[in-house]
């Protein structure tokens, strides 16, 4: 009988200790992400509640995408970090070091970025336009025809093979856009580069034109 009473008392004491320890544990949250502008760092911070329990703590951060961990995280070891911008979905995770034994010490925040429509590089070719294989122009015409709301954007840079003006004239003839009813959906620009390159882009509705 005494043994049973002792075991019951020990069990009640253990439950009380565990319950008391759980009540003493602070809550850990990660907040941030939001909607950063392209190229801007993505901020995150950890919140400890109640705040008075955050004294003497340190923080180990990790930011991951589907392809793995991101480097160059600013603020490692502190309550606030800045992750490099990415168009990928990412998750910021923190491990809080210095909490009482048995207290949950990890938290995370996931973020999904919708990059919206973007231009697609169809082809890059260097040299004399007259020597480009016909397959390049067949493919470009097919892409623009199959995407009726998209525009064809062509960047032309100068080089040994001729002036930008002569290249543009050759492009118009070889693409035969007017004959195919596609001339109103094409924008040809001259690049400041001197790499003797022609770049063809498919630009869907709502997407920005590529830099040239």
Foldseek 3Di string as FASTA:
>chain_A
DVVVVVVVVVVVVVVVVVVVVAVPAWDKEKDWQPADDPFFWTKIFMDTPPPVQLPPKWKAKWKAFPVGTAPPWPPGGHRMITGTDDQTKMKMKMFIPDTDPPHDGIYMDIDHHDPPFAKDWLDKDAAAPVPDDLVSLVSLVVVCVVQVQKAKEKEFEAEDRDDSVVRVVSCCVSNVCVVVVRPVRYHYYYDPDHRRMMIIIIGHPPYDDDDD
